[in-house]
Amino acid sequence: MGFERKMITYDDPEDEEEDAPAEEEEEAEEEEEEEEEEDLVDPLEMIRVKCEQTEHCAHFKERLETCEARVSSRHRTEEECTEELFDFLHARDHCVAHKLFHNVK
């Protein structure tokens, strides 16, 4: 193992001026990277939306929405829509599983 030698420097006003342009360049690069990340679209999200619109998934989504409406209309209820949610997610994920890896390079 080797040890790095580090030089301790005291803040010198001239050094700060030299560092300022470098900091501006770094900020500009970070902004560019953020813009690139915003442009990227996750194929998984796109496929999920498409799968949710299929007839099979739409049936389970409708059952889930019906259950949510029924539960939210009651003030005191122990009913939850867990079963309907799991059925919908299972149907959607089953659809996604068949389509996702065809889009991965």
PDB file of N, CA and C in Angstrom:
ATOM      1  N   MET A   1       0.839  -1.171   0.000  1.00  0.00           N
ATOM      2  CA  MET A   1       0.000   0.000   0.000  1.00  0.00           C
ATOM      3  C   MET A   1       0.883   1.232   0.000  1.00  0.00           C
ATOM      4  N   GLY A   2       0.494   2.169  -0.783  1.00  0.00           N
ATOM      5  CA  GLY A   2       1.220   3.427  -0.812  1.00  0.00           C
ATOM      6  C   GLY A   2       0.391   4.531  -0.205  1.00  0.00           C
ATOM      7  N   PHE A   3       1.062   5.442   0.393  1.00  0.00           N
ATOM      8  CA  PHE A   3       0.379   6.582   0.978  1.00  0.00           C
ATOM      9  C   PHE A   3       0.495   7.768   0.045  1.00  0.00           C
ATOM     10  N   GLU A   4      -0.572   8.497  -0.059  1.00  0.00           N
ATOM     11  CA  GLU A   4      -0.539   9.695  -0.889  1.00  0.00           C
ATOM     12  C   GLU A   4       0.041  10.839  -0.085  1.00  0.00           C
ATOM     13  N   ARG A   5       0.797  11.637  -0.747  1.00  0.00           N
ATOM     14  CA  ARG A   5       1.303  12.836  -0.095  1.00  0.00           C
ATOM     15  C   ARG A   5       0.359  13.974  -0.434  1.00  0.00           C
ATOM     16  N   LYS A   6      -0.052  14.656   0.591  1.00  0.00           N
ATOM     17  CA  LYS A   6      -0.935  15.789   0.384  1.00  0.00           C
ATOM     18  C   LYS A   6      -0.254  17.026   0.912  1.00  0.00           C
ATOM     19  N   MET A   7      -0.367  18.057   0.134  1.00  0.00           N
ATOM     20  CA  MET A   7       0.246  19.303   0.534  1.00  0.00           C
ATOM     21  C   MET A   7      -0.813  20.180   1.190  1.00  0.00           C
ATOM     22  N   ILE A   8      -0.494  20.678   2.348  1.00  0.00           N
ATOM     23  CA  ILE A   8      -1.412  21.559   3.052  1.00  0.00           C
ATOM     24  C   ILE A   8      -1.125  22.976   2.596  1.00  0.00           C
ATOM     25  N   THR A   9      -2.174  23.610   2.121  1.00  0.00           N
ATOM     26  CA  THR A   9      -2.003  25.001   1.687  1.00  0.00           C
ATOM     27  C   THR A   9      -2.945  25.871   2.479  1.00  0.00           C
ATOM     28  N   TYR A  10      -2.506  27.081   2.663  1.00  0.00           N
ATOM     29  CA  TYR A  10      -3.343  28.061   3.344  1.00  0.00           C
ATOM     30  C   TYR A  10      -4.090  28.839   2.280  1.00  0.00           C
ATOM     31  N   ASP A  11      -5.318  29.208   2.585  1.00  0.00           N
ATOM     32  CA  ASP A  11      -6.128  29.929   1.617  1.00  0.00           C
ATOM     33  C   ASP A  11      -5.423  31.201   1.181  1.00  0.00           C
ATOM     34  N   ASP A  12      -5.263  31.300  -0.081  1.00  0.00           N
ATOM     35  CA  ASP A  12      -4.643  32.478  -0.670  1.00  0.00           C
ATOM     36  C   ASP A  12      -5.684  33.081  -1.607  1.00  0.00           C
ATOM     37  N   PRO A  13      -5.972  34.371  -1.527  1.00  0.00           N
ATOM     38  CA  PRO A  13      -7.002  34.966  -2.386  1.00  0.00           C
ATOM     39  C   PRO A  13      -6.780  34.707  -3.863  1.00  0.00           C
ATOM     40  N   GLU A  14      -5.534  34.617  -4.291  1.00  0.00           N
ATOM     41  CA  GLU A  14      -5.254  34.368  -5.705  1.00  0.00           C
ATOM     42  C   GLU A  14      -5.707  32.969  -6.109  1.00  0.00           C
ATOM     43  N   ASP A  15      -5.583  31.993  -5.203  1.00  0.00           N
ATOM     44  CA  ASP A  15      -6.002  30.633  -5.495  1.00  0.00           C
ATOM     45  C   ASP A  15      -7.508  30.544  -5.682  1.00  0.00           C
ATOM     46  N   GLU A  16      -8.269  31.298  -4.919  1.00  0.00           N
ATOM     47  CA  GLU A  16      -9.722  31.264  -5.014  1.00  0.00           C
ATOM     48  C   GLU A  16     -10.191  31.736  -6.377  1.00  0.00           C
ATOM     49  N   GLU A  17      -9.503  32.734  -6.935  1.00  0.00           N
ATOM     50  CA  GLU A  17      -9.883  33.235  -8.252  1.00  0.00           C
ATOM     51  C   GLU A  17      -9.659  32.171  -9.313  1.00  0.00           C
ATOM     52  N   GLU A  18      -8.589  31.392  -9.163  1.00  0.00           N
ATOM     53  CA  GLU A  18      -8.306  30.349 -10.141  1.00  0.00           C
ATOM     54  C   GLU A  18      -9.320  29.213 -10.030  1.00  0.00           C
ATOM     55  N   ASP A  19      -9.821  28.937  -8.834  1.00  0.00           N
ATOM     56  CA  ASP A  19     -10.776  27.857  -8.637  1.00  0.00           C
ATOM     57  C   ASP A  19     -12.168  28.204  -9.151  1.00  0.00           C
ATOM     58  N   ALA A  20     -12.518  29.462  -9.211  1.00  0.00           N
ATOM     59  CA  ALA A  20     -13.863  29.877  -9.600  1.00  0.00           C
ATOM     60  C   ALA A  20     -14.251  29.390 -10.994  1.00  0.00           C
ATOM     61  N   PRO A  21     -13.417  29.574 -12.032  1.00  0.00           N
ATOM     62  CA  PRO A  21     -13.820  29.076 -13.350  1.00  0.00           C
ATOM     63  C   PRO A  21     -13.982  27.550 -13.376  1.00  0.00           C
ATOM     64  N   ALA A  22     -13.151  26.855 -12.632  1.00  0.00           N
ATOM     65  CA  ALA A  22     -13.260  25.402 -12.602  1.00  0.00           C
ATOM     66  C   ALA A  22     -14.590  24.989 -11.970  1.00  0.00           C
ATOM     67  N   GLU A  23     -15.008  25.690 -10.929  1.00  0.00           N
ATOM     68  CA  GLU A  23     -16.277  25.386 -10.275  1.00  0.00           C
ATOM     69  C   GLU A  23     -17.441  25.662 -11.222  1.00  0.00           C
ATOM     70  N   GLU A  24     -17.355  26.740 -11.993  1.00  0.00           N
ATOM     71  CA  GLU A  24     -18.418  27.068 -12.950  1.00  0.00           C
ATOM     72  C   GLU A  24     -18.528  25.981 -14.021  1.00  0.00           C
ATOM     73  N   GLU A  25     -17.384  25.472 -14.469  1.00  0.00           N
ATOM     74  CA  GLU A  25     -17.391  24.413 -15.479  1.00  0.00           C
ATOM     75  C   GLU A  25     -18.033  23.149 -14.916  1.00  0.00           C
ATOM     76  N   GLU A  26     -17.722  22.836 -13.664  1.00  0.00           N
ATOM     77  CA  GLU A  26     -18.303  21.656 -13.044  1.00  0.00           C
ATOM     78  C   GLU A  26     -19.815  21.794 -12.920  1.00  0.00           C
ATOM     79  N   GLU A  27     -20.288  22.982 -12.546  1.00  0.00           N
ATOM     80  CA  GLU A  27     -21.721  23.222 -12.421  1.00  0.00           C
ATOM     81  C   GLU A  27     -22.404  23.078 -13.775  1.00  0.00           C
ATOM     82  N   ALA A  28     -21.766  23.596 -14.821  1.00  0.00           N
ATOM     83  CA  ALA A  28     -22.337  23.498 -16.168  1.00  0.00           C
ATOM     84  C   ALA A  28     -22.433  22.033 -16.602  1.00  0.00           C
ATOM     85  N   GLU A  29     -21.402  21.238 -16.291  1.00  0.00           N
ATOM     86  CA  GLU A  29     -21.417  19.823 -16.640  1.00  0.00           C
ATOM     87  C   GLU A  29     -22.528  19.085 -15.892  1.00  0.00           C
ATOM     88  N   GLU A  30     -22.712  19.431 -14.608  1.00  0.00           N
ATOM     89  CA  GLU A  30     -23.761  18.798 -13.819  1.00  0.00           C
ATOM     90  C   GLU A  30     -25.141  19.124 -14.387  1.00  0.00           C
ATOM     91  N   GLU A  31     -25.334  20.373 -14.818  1.00  0.00           N
ATOM     92  CA  GLU A  31     -26.612  20.765 -15.406  1.00  0.00           C
ATOM     93  C   GLU A  31     -26.876  19.993 -16.688  1.00  0.00           C
ATOM     94  N   GLU A  32     -25.837  19.807 -17.507  1.00  0.00           N
ATOM     95  CA  GLU A  32     -25.991  19.057 -18.748  1.00  0.00           C
ATOM     96  C   GLU A  32     -26.372  17.603 -18.456  1.00  0.00           C
ATOM     97  N   GLU A  33     -25.732  17.016 -17.439  1.00  0.00           N
ATOM     98  CA  GLU A  33     -26.049  15.641 -17.081  1.00  0.00           C
ATOM     99  C   GLU A  33     -27.491  15.520 -16.602  1.00  0.00           C
ATOM    100  N   GLU A  34     -27.964  16.507 -15.833  1.00  0.00           N
ATOM    101  CA  GLU A  34     -29.338  16.487 -15.350  1.00  0.00           C
ATOM    102  C   GLU A  34     -30.313  16.584 -16.514  1.00  0.00           C
ATOM    103  N   GLU A  35     -29.995  17.402 -17.513  1.00  0.00           N
ATOM    104  CA  GLU A  35     -30.858  17.533 -18.680  1.00  0.00           C
ATOM    105  C   GLU A  35     -30.917  16.214 -19.437  1.00  0.00           C
ATOM    106  N   GLU A  36     -29.776  15.536 -19.563  1.00  0.00           N
ATOM    107  CA  GLU A  36     -29.754  14.257 -20.251  1.00  0.00           C
ATOM    108  C   GLU A  36     -30.592  13.236 -19.504  1.00  0.00           C
ATOM    109  N   GLU A  37     -30.506  13.240 -18.172  1.00  0.00           N
ATOM    110  CA  GLU A  37     -31.287  12.303 -17.376  1.00  0.00           C
ATOM    111  C   GLU A  37     -32.773  12.562 -17.522  1.00  0.00           C
ATOM    112  N   GLU A  38     -33.176  13.819 -17.645  1.00  0.00           N
ATOM    113  CA  GLU A  38     -34.584  14.153 -17.802  1.00  0.00           C
ATOM    114  C   GLU A  38     -35.126  13.639 -19.124  1.00  0.00           C
ATOM    115  N   ASP A  39     -34.288  13.599 -20.156  1.00  0.00           N
ATOM    116  CA  ASP A  39     -34.725  13.161 -21.471  1.00  0.00           C
ATOM    117  C   ASP A  39     -34.927  11.649 -21.535  1.00  0.00           C
ATOM    118  N   LEU A  40     -34.271  10.912 -20.666  1.00  0.00           N
ATOM    119  CA  LEU A  40     -34.378   9.463 -20.686  1.00  0.00           C
ATOM    120  C   LEU A  40     -35.760   9.026 -20.217  1.00  0.00           C
ATOM    121  N   VAL A  41     -36.307   8.032 -20.892  1.00  0.00           N
ATOM    122  CA  VAL A  41     -37.613   7.497 -20.537  1.00  0.00           C
ATOM    123  C   VAL A  41     -37.415   6.035 -20.171  1.00  0.00           C
ATOM    124  N   ASP A  42     -37.932   5.660 -19.032  1.00  0.00           N
ATOM    125  CA  ASP A  42     -37.805   4.289 -18.567  1.00  0.00           C
ATOM    126  C   ASP A  42     -38.740   3.396 -19.367  1.00  0.00           C
ATOM    127  N   PRO A  43     -38.203   2.413 -20.098  1.00  0.00           N
ATOM    128  CA  PRO A  43     -39.070   1.544 -20.902  1.00  0.00           C
ATOM    129  C   PRO A  43     -40.032   0.743 -20.038  1.00  0.00           C
ATOM    130  N   LEU A  44     -39.658   0.451 -18.803  1.00  0.00           N
ATOM    131  CA  LEU A  44     -40.548  -0.296 -17.910  1.00  0.00           C
ATOM    132  C   LEU A  44     -41.831   0.473 -17.666  1.00  0.00           C
ATOM    133  N   GLU A  45     -41.720   1.786 -17.442  1.00  0.00           N
ATOM    134  CA  GLU A  45     -42.917   2.600 -17.198  1.00  0.00           C
ATOM    135  C   GLU A  45     -43.811   2.626 -18.436  1.00  0.00           C
ATOM    136  N   MET A  46     -43.217   2.744 -19.594  1.00  0.00           N
ATOM    137  CA  MET A  46     -44.009   2.771 -20.834  1.00  0.00           C
ATOM    138  C   MET A  46     -44.750   1.455 -21.028  1.00  0.00           C
ATOM    139  N   ILE A  47     -44.069   0.347 -20.772  1.00  0.00           N
ATOM    140  CA  ILE A  47     -44.688  -0.965 -20.951  1.00  0.00           C
ATOM    141  C   ILE A  47     -45.792  -1.172 -19.924  1.00  0.00           C
ATOM    142  N   ARG A  48     -45.566  -0.701 -18.701  1.00  0.00           N
ATOM    143  CA  ARG A  48     -46.608  -0.828 -17.671  1.00  0.00           C
ATOM    144  C   ARG A  48     -47.888  -0.105 -18.090  1.00  0.00           C
ATOM    145  N   VAL A  49     -47.731   1.096 -18.628  1.00  0.00           N
ATOM    146  CA  VAL A  49     -48.901   1.861 -19.061  1.00  0.00           C
ATOM    147  C   VAL A  49     -49.635   1.117 -20.172  1.00  0.00           C
ATOM    148  N   LYS A  50     -48.880   0.571 -21.121  1.00  0.00           N
ATOM    149  CA  LYS A  50     -49.507  -0.168 -22.216  1.00  0.00           C
ATOM    150  C   LYS A  50     -50.215  -1.424 -21.699  1.00  0.00           C
ATOM    151  N   CYS A  51     -49.584  -2.107 -20.768  1.00  0.00           N
ATOM    152  CA  CYS A  51     -50.183  -3.330 -20.226  1.00  0.00           C
ATOM    153  C   CYS A  51     -51.441  -3.030 -19.419  1.00  0.00           C
ATOM    154  N   GLU A  52     -51.445  -1.914 -18.728  1.00  0.00           N
ATOM    155  CA  GLU A  52     -52.630  -1.546 -17.947  1.00  0.00           C
ATOM    156  C   GLU A  52     -53.843  -1.324 -18.840  1.00  0.00           C
ATOM    157  N   GLN A  53     -53.611  -1.029 -20.101  1.00  0.00           N
ATOM    158  CA  GLN A  53     -54.703  -0.756 -21.022  1.00  0.00           C
ATOM    159  C   GLN A  53     -55.212  -2.004 -21.725  1.00  0.00           C
ATOM    160  N   THR A  54     -54.538  -3.130 -21.541  1.00  0.00           N
ATOM    161  CA  THR A  54     -55.018  -4.361 -22.174  1.00  0.00           C
ATOM    162  C   THR A  54     -56.308  -4.815 -21.507  1.00  0.00           C
ATOM    163  N   GLU A  55     -57.069  -5.633 -22.222  1.00  0.00           N
ATOM    164  CA  GLU A  55     -58.374  -6.067 -21.723  1.00  0.00           C
ATOM    165  C   GLU A  55     -58.255  -6.830 -20.406  1.00  0.00           C
ATOM    166  N   HIS A  56     -57.271  -7.703 -20.319  1.00  0.00           N
ATOM    167  CA  HIS A  56     -57.096  -8.523 -19.116  1.00  0.00           C
ATOM    168  C   HIS A  56     -56.790  -7.646 -17.891  1.00  0.00           C
ATOM    169  N   CYS A  57     -55.871  -6.716 -18.027  1.00  0.00           N
ATOM    170  CA  CYS A  57     -55.501  -5.842 -16.907  1.00  0.00           C
ATOM    171  C   CYS A  57     -56.601  -4.826 -16.609  1.00  0.00           C
ATOM    172  N   ALA A  58     -57.291  -4.371 -17.636  1.00  0.00           N
ATOM    173  CA  ALA A  58     -58.359  -3.387 -17.433  1.00  0.00           C
ATOM    174  C   ALA A  58     -59.460  -3.956 -16.542  1.00  0.00           C
ATOM    175  N   HIS A  59     -59.714  -5.249 -16.686  1.00  0.00           N
ATOM    176  CA  HIS A  59     -60.723  -5.903 -15.841  1.00  0.00           C
ATOM    177  C   HIS A  59     -60.314  -5.822 -14.365  1.00  0.00           C
ATOM    178  N   PHE A  60     -59.067  -6.143 -14.064  1.00  0.00           N
ATOM    179  CA  PHE A  60     -58.601  -6.105 -12.678  1.00  0.00           C
ATOM    180  C   PHE A  60     -58.488  -4.674 -12.164  1.00  0.00           C
ATOM    181  N   LYS A  61     -58.129  -3.753 -13.048  1.00  0.00           N
ATOM    182  CA  LYS A  61     -58.052  -2.349 -12.641  1.00  0.00           C
ATOM    183  C   LYS A  61     -59.444  -1.819 -12.287  1.00  0.00           C
ATOM    184  N   GLU A  62     -60.431  -2.218 -13.064  1.00  0.00           N
ATOM    185  CA  GLU A  62     -61.818  -1.809 -12.792  1.00  0.00           C
ATOM    186  C   GLU A  62     -62.293  -2.350 -11.444  1.00  0.00           C
ATOM    187  N   ARG A  63     -61.963  -3.619 -11.168  1.00  0.00           N
ATOM    188  CA  ARG A  63     -62.327  -4.203  -9.861  1.00  0.00           C
ATOM    189  C   ARG A  63     -61.646  -3.455  -8.716  1.00  0.00           C
ATOM    190  N   LEU A  64     -60.385  -3.069  -8.907  1.00  0.00           N
ATOM    191  CA  LEU A  64     -59.648  -2.323  -7.884  1.00  0.00           C
ATOM    192  C   LEU A  64     -60.275  -0.951  -7.662  1.00  0.00           C
ATOM    193  N   GLU A  65     -60.601  -0.255  -8.732  1.00  0.00           N
ATOM    194  CA  GLU A  65     -61.215   1.070  -8.605  1.00  0.00           C
ATOM    195  C   GLU A  65     -62.593   0.989  -7.948  1.00  0.00           C
ATOM    196  N   THR A  66     -63.357  -0.050  -8.265  1.00  0.00           N
ATOM    197  CA  THR A  66     -64.662  -0.242  -7.635  1.00  0.00           C
ATOM    198  C   THR A  66     -64.495  -0.454  -6.135  1.00  0.00           C
ATOM    199  N   CYS A  67     -63.541  -1.271  -5.766  1.00  0.00           N
ATOM    200  CA  CYS A  67     -63.286  -1.538  -4.348  1.00  0.00           C
ATOM    201  C   CYS A  67     -62.833  -0.263  -3.639  1.00  0.00           C
ATOM    202  N   GLU A  68     -61.935   0.489  -4.258  1.00  0.00           N
ATOM    203  CA  GLU A  68     -61.452   1.735  -3.642  1.00  0.00           C
ATOM    204  C   GLU A  68     -62.591   2.729  -3.443  1.00  0.00           C
ATOM    205  N   ALA A  69     -63.493   2.804  -4.409  1.00  0.00           N
ATOM    206  CA  ALA A  69     -64.636   3.710  -4.280  1.00  0.00           C
ATOM    207  C   ALA A  69     -65.549   3.261  -3.148  1.00  0.00           C
ATOM    208  N   ARG A  70     -65.771   1.957  -3.049  1.00  0.00           N
ATOM    209  CA  ARG A  70     -66.623   1.419  -1.990  1.00  0.00           C
ATOM    210  C   ARG A  70     -66.008   1.684  -0.613  1.00  0.00           C
ATOM    211  N   VAL A  71     -64.721   1.453  -0.469  1.00  0.00           N
ATOM    212  CA  VAL A  71     -64.047   1.640   0.820  1.00  0.00           C
ATOM    213  C   VAL A  71     -63.991   3.116   1.197  1.00  0.00           C
ATOM    214  N   SER A  72     -63.706   3.985   0.236  1.00  0.00           N
ATOM    215  CA  SER A  72     -63.596   5.415   0.551  1.00  0.00           C
ATOM    216  C   SER A  72     -64.959   6.039   0.856  1.00  0.00           C
ATOM    217  N   SER A  73     -66.046   5.401   0.413  1.00  0.00           N
ATOM    218  CA  SER A  73     -67.372   5.954   0.683  1.00  0.00           C
ATOM    219  C   SER A  73     -67.843   5.644   2.105  1.00  0.00           C
ATOM    220  N   ARG A  74     -67.193   4.697   2.751  1.00  0.00           N
ATOM    221  CA  ARG A  74     -67.579   4.318   4.117  1.00  0.00           C
ATOM    222  C   ARG A  74     -66.641   4.990   5.119  1.00  0.00           C
ATOM    223  N   HIS A  75     -67.214   5.374   6.240  1.00  0.00           N
ATOM    224  CA  HIS A  75     -66.405   6.040   7.265  1.00  0.00           C
ATOM    225  C   HIS A  75     -65.685   5.046   8.157  1.00  0.00           C
ATOM    226  N   ARG A  76     -66.396   4.035   8.581  1.00  0.00           N
ATOM    227  CA  ARG A  76     -65.796   3.033   9.465  1.00  0.00           C
ATOM    228  C   ARG A  76     -65.905   1.674   8.786  1.00  0.00           C
ATOM    229  N   THR A  77     -64.779   1.222   8.278  1.00  0.00           N
ATOM    230  CA  THR A  77     -64.772  -0.089   7.637  1.00  0.00           C
ATOM    231  C   THR A  77     -63.410  -0.725   7.841  1.00  0.00           C
ATOM    232  N   GLU A  78     -63.416  -2.012   7.939  1.00  0.00           N
ATOM    233  CA  GLU A  78     -62.167  -2.756   8.057  1.00  0.00           C
ATOM    234  C   GLU A  78     -61.760  -3.333   6.707  1.00  0.00           C
ATOM    235  N   GLU A  79     -62.600  -3.130   5.719  1.00  0.00           N
ATOM    236  CA  GLU A  79     -62.314  -3.669   4.390  1.00  0.00           C
ATOM    237  C   GLU A  79     -61.139  -2.935   3.770  1.00  0.00           C
ATOM    238  N   GLU A  80     -60.291  -3.696   3.138  1.00  0.00           N
ATOM    239  CA  GLU A  80     -59.175  -3.141   2.382  1.00  0.00           C
ATOM    240  C   GLU A  80     -59.213  -3.747   0.988  1.00  0.00           C
ATOM    241  N   CYS A  81     -58.576  -3.139   0.075  1.00  0.00           N
ATOM    242  CA  CYS A  81     -58.582  -3.625  -1.306  1.00  0.00           C
ATOM    243  C   CYS A  81     -57.280  -4.359  -1.645  1.00  0.00           C
ATOM    244  N   THR A  82     -56.722  -5.020  -0.675  1.00  0.00           N
ATOM    245  CA  THR A  82     -55.439  -5.694  -0.868  1.00  0.00           C
ATOM    246  C   THR A  82     -55.529  -6.784  -1.926  1.00  0.00           C
ATOM    247  N   GLU A  83     -56.555  -7.595  -1.862  1.00  0.00           N
ATOM    248  CA  GLU A  83     -56.702  -8.693  -2.824  1.00  0.00           C
ATOM    249  C   GLU A  83     -56.823  -8.142  -4.247  1.00  0.00           C
ATOM    250  N   GLU A  84     -57.642  -7.116  -4.418  1.00  0.00           N
ATOM    251  CA  GLU A  84     -57.833  -6.519  -5.744  1.00  0.00           C
ATOM    252  C   GLU A  84     -56.540  -5.882  -6.253  1.00  0.00           C
ATOM    253  N   LEU A  85     -55.811  -5.241  -5.342  1.00  0.00           N
ATOM    254  CA  LEU A  85     -54.536  -4.627  -5.727  1.00  0.00           C
ATOM    255  C   LEU A  85     -53.545  -5.690  -6.178  1.00  0.00           C
ATOM    256  N   PHE A  86     -53.422  -6.763  -5.411  1.00  0.00           N
ATOM    257  CA  PHE A  86     -52.497  -7.833  -5.775  1.00  0.00           C
ATOM    258  C   PHE A  86     -52.896  -8.499  -7.088  1.00  0.00           C
ATOM    259  N   ASP A  87     -54.182  -8.686  -7.303  1.00  0.00           N
ATOM    260  CA  ASP A  87     -54.633  -9.274  -8.567  1.00  0.00           C
ATOM    261  C   ASP A  87     -54.255  -8.383  -9.748  1.00  0.00           C
ATOM    262  N   PHE A  88     -54.473  -7.077  -9.592  1.00  0.00           N
ATOM    263  CA  PHE A  88     -54.136  -6.139 -10.660  1.00  0.00           C
ATOM    264  C   PHE A  88     -52.631  -6.120 -10.921  1.00  0.00           C
ATOM    265  N   LEU A  89     -51.843  -6.010  -9.853  1.00  0.00           N
ATOM    266  CA  LEU A  89     -50.383  -5.967 -10.023  1.00  0.00           C
ATOM    267  C   LEU A  89     -49.849  -7.260 -10.633  1.00  0.00           C
ATOM    268  N   HIS A  90     -50.427  -8.380 -10.236  1.00  0.00           N
ATOM    269  CA  HIS A  90     -50.008  -9.660 -10.803  1.00  0.00           C
ATOM    270  C   HIS A  90     -50.294  -9.715 -12.301  1.00  0.00           C
ATOM    271  N   ALA A  91     -51.483  -9.289 -12.694  1.00  0.00           N
ATOM    272  CA  ALA A  91     -51.851  -9.305 -14.112  1.00  0.00           C
ATOM    273  C   ALA A  91     -50.958  -8.356 -14.914  1.00  0.00           C
ATOM    274  N   ARG A  92     -50.727  -7.159 -14.369  1.00  0.00           N
ATOM    275  CA  ARG A  92     -49.884  -6.190 -15.069  1.00  0.00           C
ATOM    276  C   ARG A  92     -48.445  -6.685 -15.182  1.00  0.00           C
ATOM    277  N   ASP A  93     -47.901  -7.200 -14.082  1.00  0.00           N
ATOM    278  CA  ASP A  93     -46.518  -7.675 -14.106  1.00  0.00           C
ATOM    279  C   ASP A  93     -46.354  -8.887 -15.019  1.00  0.00           C
ATOM    280  N   HIS A  94     -47.379  -9.722 -15.105  1.00  0.00           N
ATOM    281  CA  HIS A  94     -47.335 -10.874 -16.015  1.00  0.00           C
ATOM    282  C   HIS A  94     -47.230 -10.385 -17.462  1.00  0.00           C
ATOM    283  N   CYS A  95     -47.995  -9.385 -17.786  1.00  0.00           N
ATOM    284  CA  CYS A  95     -47.948  -8.790 -19.123  1.00  0.00           C
ATOM    285  C   CYS A  95     -46.586  -8.143 -19.377  1.00  0.00           C
ATOM    286  N   VAL A  96     -46.101  -7.401 -18.408  1.00  0.00           N
ATOM    287  CA  VAL A  96     -44.818  -6.693 -18.540  1.00  0.00           C
ATOM    288  C   VAL A  96     -43.682  -7.691 -18.729  1.00  0.00           C
ATOM    289  N   ALA A  97     -43.714  -8.791 -18.002  1.00  0.00           N
ATOM    290  CA  ALA A  97     -42.633  -9.776 -18.061  1.00  0.00           C
ATOM    291  C   ALA A  97     -42.439 -10.310 -19.478  1.00  0.00           C
ATOM    292  N   HIS A  98     -43.527 -10.441 -20.213  1.00  0.00           N
ATOM    293  CA  HIS A  98     -43.418 -10.971 -21.580  1.00  0.00           C
ATOM    294  C   HIS A  98     -42.906  -9.934 -22.568  1.00  0.00           C
ATOM    295  N   LYS A  99     -43.036  -8.663 -22.250  1.00  0.00           N
ATOM    296  CA  LYS A  99     -42.681  -7.601 -23.209  1.00  0.00           C
ATOM    297  C   LYS A  99     -41.384  -6.889 -22.875  1.00  0.00           C
ATOM    298  N   LEU A 100     -41.006  -6.865 -21.612  1.00  0.00           N
ATOM    299  CA  LEU A 100     -39.899  -6.013 -21.180  1.00  0.00           C
ATOM    300  C   LEU A 100     -38.572  -6.391 -21.823  1.00  0.00           C
ATOM    301  N   PHE A 101     -38.219  -7.638 -21.804  1.00  0.00           N
ATOM    302  CA  PHE A 101     -36.884  -8.023 -22.237  1.00  0.00           C
ATOM    303  C   PHE A 101     -36.709  -8.008 -23.746  1.00  0.00           C
ATOM    304  N   HIS A 102     -37.784  -7.818 -24.484  1.00  0.00           N
ATOM    305  CA  HIS A 102     -37.661  -7.638 -25.926  1.00  0.00           C
ATOM    306  C   HIS A 102     -37.150  -6.224 -26.225  1.00  0.00           C
ATOM    307  N   ASN A 103     -37.322  -5.299 -25.279  1.00  0.00           N
ATOM    308  CA  ASN A 103     -36.878  -3.917 -25.480  1.00  0.00           C
ATOM    309  C   ASN A 103     -35.506  -3.644 -24.908  1.00  0.00           C
ATOM    310  N   VAL A 104     -34.984  -4.532 -24.095  1.00  0.00           N
ATOM    311  CA  VAL A 104     -33.679  -4.330 -23.488  1.00  0.00           C
ATOM    312  C   VAL A 104     -32.597  -4.713 -24.486  1.00  0.00           C
ATOM    313  N   LYS A 105     -31.608  -3.855 -24.578  1.00  0.00           N
ATOM    314  CA  LYS A 105     -30.515  -4.133 -25.540  1.00  0.00           C
ATOM    315  C   LYS A 105     -29.347  -4.765 -24.843  1.00  0.00           C
TER     316      LYS A 105
END
